[in-house]
């Protein structure tokens, strides 16, 4: 089970690096548009990028079930936000795909480490 925890953490770091270091690419992948300021890019670097890098690095660094559990709760929280968007804002294939990834990582990490 440790290998799955490590995979989830590395996935967090890898996907987070896109948001952090390639925010314009990430904005395109997420169908986001920049505005008159750079705040949109800044938000993507922070919330879709470095936050996930920090979560993954922290889980690997601590290496405890609790750390990986928290990683799972974070991904599960993202999936809840995504599902809310599907229900309230309308469903798209892209939203369902991202929801599926977030839910699998989140629920997987929770199930592996709860208890």
C-alpha atoms as a PDB file:
ATOM      1  CA  UNK A   1       0.000   0.000   0.000  1.00  0.00           C
ATOM      2  CA  UNK A   2       2.937   2.299   0.539  1.00  0.00           C
ATOM      3  CA  UNK A   3       3.568   2.338  -3.202  1.00  0.00           C
ATOM      4  CA  UNK A   4       0.056   3.669  -3.874  1.00  0.00           C
ATOM      5  CA  UNK A   5       0.566   6.431  -1.313  1.00  0.00           C
ATOM      6  CA  UNK A   6       3.819   7.390  -3.011  1.00  0.00           C
ATOM      7  CA  UNK A   7       2.111   7.343  -6.425  1.00  0.00           C
ATOM      8  CA  UNK A   8      -0.665   9.619  -5.138  1.00  0.00           C
ATOM      9  CA  UNK A   9       1.901  12.033  -3.689  1.00  0.00           C
ATOM     10  CA  UNK A  10       3.994  12.053  -6.877  1.00  0.00           C
ATOM     11  CA  UNK A  11       0.829  12.581  -8.941  1.00  0.00           C
ATOM     12  CA  UNK A  12       0.028  15.585  -6.742  1.00  0.00           C
ATOM     13  CA  UNK A  13       3.517  16.982  -7.227  1.00  0.00           C
ATOM     14  CA  UNK A  14       3.552  16.334 -10.964  1.00  0.00           C
ATOM     15  CA  UNK A  15       0.166  17.865 -11.704  1.00  0.00           C
ATOM     16  CA  UNK A  16       0.901  20.710  -9.305  1.00  0.00           C
ATOM     17  CA  UNK A  17       4.092  21.526 -11.201  1.00  0.00           C
ATOM     18  CA  UNK A  18       2.031  22.251 -14.311  1.00  0.00           C
ATOM     19  CA  UNK A  19      -0.098  24.802 -12.481  1.00  0.00           C
ATOM     20  CA  UNK A  20       2.852  26.294 -10.658  1.00  0.00           C
ATOM     21  CA  UNK A  21       5.429  26.448 -13.443  1.00  0.00           C
ATOM     22  CA  UNK A  22       3.213  26.479 -16.550  1.00  0.00           C
ATOM     23  CA  UNK A  23       0.125  28.434 -15.487  1.00  0.00           C
ATOM     24  CA  UNK A  24      -0.835  29.526 -19.009  1.00  0.00           C
ATOM     25  CA  UNK A  25      -0.753  25.908 -20.200  1.00  0.00           C
ATOM     26  CA  UNK A  26      -2.840  24.908 -17.174  1.00  0.00           C
ATOM     27  CA  UNK A  27      -5.297  27.723 -17.803  1.00  0.00           C
ATOM     28  CA  UNK A  28      -5.729  26.464 -21.357  1.00  0.00           C
ATOM     29  CA  UNK A  29      -6.223  22.882 -20.169  1.00  0.00           C
ATOM     30  CA  UNK A  30      -8.805  24.055 -17.641  1.00  0.00           C
ATOM     31  CA  UNK A  31     -10.528  26.356 -20.150  1.00  0.00           C
ATOM     32  CA  UNK A  32      -9.708  29.455 -18.093  1.00  0.00           C
ATOM     33  CA  UNK A  33      -9.091  32.895 -19.518  1.00  0.00           C
ATOM     34  CA  UNK A  34      -6.790  35.561 -18.145  1.00  0.00           C
ATOM     35  CA  UNK A  35      -8.027  39.056 -17.471  1.00  0.00           C
ATOM     36  CA  UNK A  36      -6.534  42.529 -17.517  1.00  0.00           C
ATOM     37  CA  UNK A  37      -4.299  41.690 -14.563  1.00  0.00           C
ATOM     38  CA  UNK A  38      -2.016  38.783 -13.729  1.00  0.00           C
ATOM     39  CA  UNK A  39      -4.142  37.703 -10.744  1.00  0.00           C
ATOM     40  CA  UNK A  40      -5.600  34.778 -12.699  1.00  0.00           C
ATOM     41  CA  UNK A  41      -2.118  33.449 -13.423  1.00  0.00           C
ATOM     42  CA  UNK A  42      -1.155  34.035  -9.802  1.00  0.00           C
ATOM     43  CA  UNK A  43      -4.200  32.105  -8.590  1.00  0.00           C
ATOM     44  CA  UNK A  44      -3.446  29.151 -10.864  1.00  0.00           C
ATOM     45  CA  UNK A  45       0.193  29.096  -9.697  1.00  0.00           C
ATOM     46  CA  UNK A  46      -0.991  29.072  -6.083  1.00  0.00           C
ATOM     47  CA  UNK A  47      -4.202  27.029  -5.927  1.00  0.00           C
ATOM     48  CA  UNK A  48      -3.804  24.652  -8.884  1.00  0.00           C
ATOM     49  CA  UNK A  49      -0.045  24.508  -8.631  1.00  0.00           C
ATOM     50  CA  UNK A  50       2.182  25.023  -5.634  1.00  0.00           C
ATOM     51  CA  UNK A  51      -0.569  23.988  -3.206  1.00  0.00           C
ATOM     52  CA  UNK A  52      -0.615  20.493  -4.733  1.00  0.00           C
ATOM     53  CA  UNK A  53       3.182  20.396  -4.863  1.00  0.00           C
ATOM     54  CA  UNK A  54       3.290  21.262  -1.164  1.00  0.00           C
ATOM     55  CA  UNK A  55       0.694  18.617  -0.324  1.00  0.00           C
ATOM     56  CA  UNK A  56       2.616  15.915  -2.162  1.00  0.00           C
ATOM     57  CA  UNK A  57       6.024  16.917  -0.807  1.00  0.00           C
ATOM     58  CA  UNK A  58       4.620  17.150   2.714  1.00  0.00           C
ATOM     59  CA  UNK A  59       3.063  13.697   2.506  1.00  0.00           C
ATOM     60  CA  UNK A  60       6.298  12.178   1.206  1.00  0.00           C
ATOM     61  CA  UNK A  61       8.392  14.028   3.775  1.00  0.00           C
ATOM     62  CA  UNK A  62       6.262  12.983   6.739  1.00  0.00           C
ATOM     63  CA  UNK A  63       5.552   9.547   5.315  1.00  0.00           C
ATOM     64  CA  UNK A  64       2.799   8.829   7.828  1.00  0.00           C
ATOM     65  CA  UNK A  65      -0.667   7.441   7.259  1.00  0.00           C
ATOM     66  CA  UNK A  66      -2.059  10.710   8.587  1.00  0.00           C
ATOM     67  CA  UNK A  67      -0.119  12.728   6.015  1.00  0.00           C
ATOM     68  CA  UNK A  68      -1.370  10.563   3.147  1.00  0.00           C
ATOM     69  CA  UNK A  69      -4.871  10.655   4.624  1.00  0.00           C
ATOM     70  CA  UNK A  70      -4.805  14.450   4.570  1.00  0.00           C
ATOM     71  CA  UNK A  71      -3.612  14.314   0.959  1.00  0.00           C
ATOM     72  CA  UNK A  72      -6.672  12.186   0.224  1.00  0.00           C
ATOM     73  CA  UNK A  73      -9.008  14.616   1.981  1.00  0.00           C
ATOM     74  CA  UNK A  74      -7.588  17.469  -0.108  1.00  0.00           C
ATOM     75  CA  UNK A  75      -8.149  15.596  -3.375  1.00  0.00           C
ATOM     76  CA  UNK A  76     -11.613  14.512  -2.205  1.00  0.00           C
ATOM     77  CA  UNK A  77     -12.407  18.141  -1.399  1.00  0.00           C
ATOM     78  CA  UNK A  78     -11.406  19.101  -4.927  1.00  0.00           C
ATOM     79  CA  UNK A  79     -13.690  16.383  -6.298  1.00  0.00           C
ATOM     80  CA  UNK A  80     -16.605  17.721  -4.236  1.00  0.00           C
ATOM     81  CA  UNK A  81     -15.990  21.185  -5.664  1.00  0.00           C
ATOM     82  CA  UNK A  82     -15.868  19.745  -9.161  1.00  0.00           C
ATOM     83  CA  UNK A  83     -19.078  17.746  -8.627  1.00  0.00           C
ATOM     84  CA  UNK A  84     -20.762  20.885  -7.319  1.00  0.00           C
ATOM     85  CA  UNK A  85     -19.807  22.608 -10.565  1.00  0.00           C
ATOM     86  CA  UNK A  86     -21.221  19.725 -12.598  1.00  0.00           C
ATOM     87  CA  UNK A  87     -24.536  20.017 -10.758  1.00  0.00           C
ATOM     88  CA  UNK A  88     -24.809  23.799 -10.467  1.00  0.00           C
ATOM     89  CA  UNK A  89     -22.930  25.070 -13.533  1.00  0.00           C
ATOM     90  CA  UNK A  90     -23.588  22.249 -15.989  1.00  0.00           C
ATOM     91  CA  UNK A  91     -21.882  19.017 -16.911  1.00  0.00           C
ATOM     92  CA  UNK A  92     -19.144  18.671 -19.496  1.00  0.00           C
ATOM     93  CA  UNK A  93     -16.947  15.742 -20.401  1.00  0.00           C
ATOM     94  CA  UNK A  94     -13.897  17.664 -19.178  1.00  0.00           C
ATOM     95  CA  UNK A  95     -15.463  18.290 -15.757  1.00  0.00           C
ATOM     96  CA  UNK A  96     -16.394  14.625 -15.401  1.00  0.00           C
ATOM     97  CA  UNK A  97     -12.857  13.562 -16.342  1.00  0.00           C
ATOM     98  CA  UNK A  98     -11.246  15.862 -13.783  1.00  0.00           C
ATOM     99  CA  UNK A  99     -13.825  14.810 -11.193  1.00  0.00           C
ATOM    100  CA  UNK A 100     -12.988  11.144 -11.799  1.00  0.00           C
ATOM    101  CA  UNK A 101      -9.250  11.701 -11.305  1.00  0.00           C
ATOM    102  CA  UNK A 102      -9.793  13.791  -8.176  1.00  0.00           C
ATOM    103  CA  UNK A 103     -12.262  11.297  -6.710  1.00  0.00           C
ATOM    104  CA  UNK A 104     -10.086   8.246  -7.419  1.00  0.00           C
ATOM    105  CA  UNK A 105      -6.994   9.822  -5.846  1.00  0.00           C
ATOM    106  CA  UNK A 106      -8.968  11.270  -2.927  1.00  0.00           C
ATOM    107  CA  UNK A 107     -11.028   8.217  -2.080  1.00  0.00           C
ATOM    108  CA  UNK A 108      -8.088   5.928  -2.772  1.00  0.00           C
ATOM    109  CA  UNK A 109      -5.805   7.751  -0.358  1.00  0.00           C
ATOM    110  CA  UNK A 110      -8.543   7.956   2.277  1.00  0.00           C
ATOM    111  CA  UNK A 111      -9.416   4.260   2.069  1.00  0.00           C
ATOM    112  CA  UNK A 112      -5.752   3.238   2.171  1.00  0.00           C
ATOM    113  CA  UNK A 113      -4.961   5.327   5.226  1.00  0.00           C
ATOM    114  CA  UNK A 114      -8.137   5.565   7.304  1.00  0.00           C
ATOM    115  CA  UNK A 115      -8.122   3.549  10.453  1.00  0.00           C
END
